[in-house]
Protein backbone atom coordinates (compact mmCIF):
# COMPACT_ATOMS: atom_id res chain seq x y z
CA MET A 1 -0.21 0.24 0.03
CA TYR A 2 1.44 3.95 -0.53
CA ASP A 3 0.54 6.65 0.81
CA GLY A 4 1.96 9.47 -0.29
CA GLU A 5 2.29 12.35 -3.55
CA TRP A 6 1.85 11.17 -6.91
CA PHE A 7 2.92 12.65 -10.61
CA GLU A 8 1.54 11.56 -13.99
CA ASN A 9 0.41 8.64 -12.34
CA LYS A 10 3.80 8.09 -10.50
CA ILE A 11 4.79 8.22 -7.25
CA LYS A 12 6.68 11.00 -6.94
CA GLY A 13 7.87 13.32 -3.57
CA CYS A 14 7.72 11.55 0.05
CA GLY A 15 5.02 8.84 1.26
CA THR A 16 4.87 5.63 2.46
CA TYR A 17 5.34 2.51 0.82
CA SER A 18 3.93 -0.80 2.91
CA TRP A 19 4.63 -4.43 2.19
CA LEU A 20 2.49 -7.21 3.06
CA ASP A 21 5.22 -9.31 4.37
CA GLY A 22 6.04 -6.54 6.93
CA ARG A 23 8.45 -3.98 5.24
CA MET A 24 7.74 -0.30 4.98
CA TYR A 25 10.06 2.59 2.59
CA GLN A 26 9.31 5.63 4.79
CA GLY A 27 11.19 8.71 2.55
CA GLU A 28 11.23 10.53 -1.33
CA TRP A 29 10.07 8.77 -3.80
CA ILE A 30 10.62 9.61 -8.18
CA ASP A 31 9.21 7.85 -11.03
CA ASN A 32 8.13 4.66 -8.69
CA ASN A 33 11.80 4.57 -7.01
CA MET A 34 13.22 5.47 -3.77
CA ASP A 35 15.43 8.19 -4.76
CA GLY A 36 16.38 10.60 -2.11
CA MET A 37 16.90 10.08 1.81
CA GLY A 38 14.59 7.42 3.34
CA VAL A 39 14.06 5.59 6.10
CA TYR A 40 13.54 1.26 4.86
CA THR A 41 12.67 -1.24 7.98
CA TRP A 42 11.97 -4.52 7.85
CA ALA A 43 9.95 -6.72 9.54
CA ASP A 44 12.71 -8.51 11.90
CA GLY A 45 14.17 -5.92 13.19
CA ARG A 46 16.37 -4.59 10.45
CA CYS A 47 16.78 -0.64 9.56
CA TYR A 48 18.76 1.78 7.16
CA MET A 49 18.06 5.17 7.34
CA GLY A 50 20.06 7.36 4.31
CA GLU A 51 20.36 8.31 0.74
CA TYR A 52 18.56 6.40 -2.11
CA MET A 53 18.72 6.36 -6.41
CA ASP A 54 17.32 4.57 -8.82
CA ASP A 55 15.91 2.35 -5.81
CA LYS A 56 19.42 1.19 -4.47
CA LYS A 57 21.08 2.61 -0.87
CA HIS A 58 23.52 5.31 -2.81
CA GLY A 59 25.39 8.16 -0.90
CA TYR A 60 25.29 7.60 2.79
CA GLY A 61 23.41 6.01 5.22
CA ILE A 62 23.22 3.38 8.50
CA TYR A 63 22.21 0.15 8.37
CA LYS A 64 21.50 -1.61 11.44
CA TRP A 65 21.12 -5.28 11.46
CA ALA A 66 18.22 -7.01 14.35
CA ASP A 67 21.21 -7.83 16.45
CA GLY A 68 22.75 -4.23 16.49
CA ARG A 69 25.55 -3.88 14.65
CA LEU A 70 25.80 -1.03 12.12
CA TYR A 71 27.34 0.08 9.21
CA LEU A 72 27.81 3.56 8.91
CA GLY A 73 29.22 4.99 5.61
CA GLN A 74 28.99 5.37 1.94
CA TRP A 75 27.18 3.02 -0.73
CA VAL A 76 26.85 2.80 -4.08
CA ARG A 77 23.95 1.11 -6.31
CA GLY A 78 23.01 -1.00 -3.51
CA LYS A 79 26.31 -2.17 -1.60
CA GLN A 80 29.15 -0.84 1.22
CA ASN A 81 31.39 1.03 -0.97
CA GLY A 82 34.17 3.62 0.24
CA LEU A 83 34.46 4.88 3.12
CA GLY A 84 32.48 3.23 6.46
CA ILE A 85 32.44 2.18 9.94
CA TYR A 86 31.31 -1.11 10.90
CA LYS A 87 30.11 -1.87 14.90
CA THR A 88 29.74 -5.11 16.17
């Protein structure tokens, strides 16, 4: 389910998308893709807060695993890449 802004029949602007399996993304969208700042949460407790581009983590972000581990740093096309800190 999506609740938020639309432009020319596409998700664009700020909004929240919730999936049936418990995942949720709250943030910015462009042309139906997560793009800009946002928060993505999973039902098992994982969370990503940071930048997206074309539906992928891209830029600076913080990824927290359900067991408390953290990665704070750079992402490129969905992968940890560049400067970052990993905490166990």
